[in-house]
Protein backbone atom coordinates (compact mmCIF):
# COMPACT_ATOMS: atom_id res chain seq x y z
CA UNK A 1 25.35 0.36 -8.73
CA UNK A 2 25.64 -3.39 -9.37
CA UNK A 3 26.79 -3.89 -5.77
CA UNK A 4 23.69 -2.11 -4.49
CA UNK A 5 21.40 -4.17 -6.71
CA UNK A 6 22.99 -7.42 -5.56
CA UNK A 7 23.15 -6.39 -1.90
CA UNK A 8 19.51 -5.26 -1.83
CA UNK A 9 17.99 -7.70 -4.34
CA UNK A 10 15.27 -8.88 -1.94
CA UNK A 11 14.38 -5.35 -0.90
CA UNK A 12 14.27 -4.16 -4.51
CA UNK A 13 11.98 -7.00 -5.57
CA UNK A 14 9.68 -6.34 -2.62
CA UNK A 15 9.68 -2.64 -3.43
CA UNK A 16 8.59 -3.45 -6.97
CA UNK A 17 5.79 -5.59 -5.54
CA UNK A 18 4.60 -2.69 -3.36
CA UNK A 19 4.98 -0.12 -6.15
CA UNK A 20 2.94 -2.22 -8.59
CA UNK A 21 0.28 -2.97 -5.97
CA UNK A 22 -0.30 0.57 -4.73
CA UNK A 23 0.35 2.48 -7.94
CA UNK A 24 -2.21 0.34 -9.79
CA UNK A 25 -4.69 0.64 -6.93
CA UNK A 26 -4.27 4.41 -6.69
CA UNK A 27 -4.54 4.93 -10.44
CA UNK A 28 -7.65 2.74 -10.54
CA UNK A 29 -9.25 4.87 -7.83
CA UNK A 30 -8.47 8.05 -9.80
CA UNK A 31 -9.60 6.73 -13.17
CA UNK A 32 -12.77 5.06 -11.89
CA UNK A 33 -13.60 7.25 -8.89
CA UNK A 34 -17.36 6.94 -9.36
CA UNK A 35 -17.29 3.17 -9.77
CA UNK A 36 -15.08 2.67 -6.73
CA UNK A 37 -17.12 5.06 -4.60
CA UNK A 38 -20.40 3.43 -5.62
CA UNK A 39 -19.12 -0.06 -4.88
CA UNK A 40 -17.66 1.01 -1.52
CA UNK A 41 -20.86 2.77 -0.46
CA UNK A 42 -22.71 -0.48 -1.03
CA UNK A 43 -19.98 -2.50 0.65
CA UNK A 44 -20.10 -0.35 3.79
CA UNK A 45 -23.86 0.33 3.77
CA UNK A 46 -24.44 -1.71 6.93
CA UNK A 47 -21.28 -0.70 8.77
CA UNK A 48 -20.48 2.18 11.11
CA UNK A 49 -18.31 3.64 8.32
CA UNK A 50 -21.23 4.17 5.89
CA UNK A 51 -21.37 7.95 6.37
CA UNK A 52 -17.70 8.62 5.76
CA UNK A 53 -16.92 6.42 2.75
CA UNK A 54 -15.94 9.31 0.42
CA UNK A 55 -13.53 10.77 3.00
CA UNK A 56 -12.02 7.36 3.73
CA UNK A 57 -11.58 6.70 0.02
CA UNK A 58 -9.64 9.96 -0.34
CA UNK A 59 -7.45 9.04 2.64
CA UNK A 60 -6.74 5.55 1.28
CA UNK A 61 -5.99 7.00 -2.17
CA UNK A 62 -3.49 9.48 -0.73
CA UNK A 63 -1.85 6.81 1.42
CA UNK A 64 -1.55 4.34 -1.45
CA UNK A 65 -0.08 6.88 -3.86
CA UNK A 66 2.29 8.24 -1.21
CA UNK A 67 3.46 4.70 -0.42
CA UNK A 68 4.00 3.92 -4.11
CA UNK A 69 5.85 7.18 -4.77
CA UNK A 70 8.11 6.84 -1.73
CA UNK A 71 8.86 3.23 -2.61
CA UNK A 72 9.63 4.19 -6.23
CA UNK A 73 12.00 6.97 -5.17
CA UNK A 74 13.51 4.66 -2.56
CA UNK A 75 13.98 1.97 -5.20
CA UNK A 76 16.13 4.31 -7.28
CA UNK A 77 17.97 5.61 -4.21
CA UNK A 78 18.97 2.06 -3.34
CA UNK A 79 20.14 1.37 -6.88
CA UNK A 80 22.39 4.44 -6.92
CA UNK A 81 23.64 3.76 -3.38
CA UNK A 82 21.96 6.71 -1.66
CA UNK A 83 20.45 4.77 1.23
CA UNK A 84 17.16 3.18 2.13
CA UNK A 85 15.36 5.89 4.09
CA UNK A 86 12.60 6.74 1.60
CA UNK A 87 12.06 3.07 0.78
CA UNK A 88 11.65 2.42 4.51
CA UNK A 89 9.09 5.21 4.87
CA UNK A 90 7.25 3.93 1.81
CA UNK A 91 7.17 0.42 3.25
CA UNK A 92 5.75 1.76 6.52
CA UNK A 93 3.05 3.70 4.64
CA UNK A 94 2.27 0.53 2.71
CA UNK A 95 1.72 -1.39 5.94
CA UNK A 96 -0.42 1.39 7.39
CA UNK A 97 -2.49 1.47 4.17
CA UNK A 98 -3.02 -2.27 4.36
CA UNK A 99 -4.02 -2.04 8.02
CA UNK A 100 -6.55 0.64 7.10
CA UNK A 101 -7.96 -1.64 4.40
CA UNK A 102 -8.03 -4.55 6.85
CA UNK A 103 -9.90 -2.43 9.37
CA UNK A 104 -12.45 -1.47 6.73
CA UNK A 105 -12.98 -5.04 5.63
CA UNK A 106 -13.48 -6.16 9.20
CA UNK A 107 -15.93 -3.32 9.85
CA UNK A 108 -17.88 -4.36 6.74
CA UNK A 109 -17.80 -7.94 8.06
CA UNK A 110 -16.10 -9.04 4.85
CA UNK A 111 -13.89 -11.61 6.52
CA UNK A 112 -12.81 -13.25 3.25
CA UNK A 113 -11.75 -9.86 1.91
CA UNK A 114 -9.91 -9.15 5.15
CA UNK A 115 -8.10 -12.45 4.83
CA UNK A 116 -6.77 -11.57 1.39
CA UNK A 117 -5.17 -8.42 2.77
CA UNK A 118 -2.86 -10.63 4.82
CA UNK A 119 -1.40 -11.88 1.52
CA UNK A 120 -0.23 -8.33 0.83
CA UNK A 121 0.68 -7.50 4.41
CA UNK A 122 3.24 -10.29 4.80
CA UNK A 123 5.64 -9.06 2.09
CA UNK A 124 5.07 -5.42 3.11
CA UNK A 125 5.93 -6.03 6.76
CA UNK A 126 8.89 -8.17 5.71
CA UNK A 127 10.09 -5.21 3.63
CA UNK A 128 9.87 -2.96 6.69
CA UNK A 129 11.89 -5.53 8.64
CA UNK A 130 14.57 -5.73 5.96
CA UNK A 131 14.88 -1.96 5.60
CA UNK A 132 15.20 -1.23 9.31
CA UNK A 133 18.62 0.21 9.99
């Protein structure tokens, strides 16, 4: 166990970053569904996505929670020495989720918001790189 933690220290720390990011985001969407939906409808009111905001919010919620769950399971698999497969899949879902968010921000012409997504994308894509077999 200690060998796995030391060997995969960077991956484990990045997994914690992704887990915290997407678990918090997913829980926030569940707890404050109405607030998030209302804000997003306003945010996308002048974009081509305005008619599908509720559906897109559901998709993003599922993706974020799936990414967090896979990364959490993968985190424990790495610690017990059972491989990195689920962590890798979780990292890929994290990147896809962030690309979806980036696409939405660009469609809403929120370029500052899109820029901040890059801050999250860099560690997520680095995690994918590290976990590739």
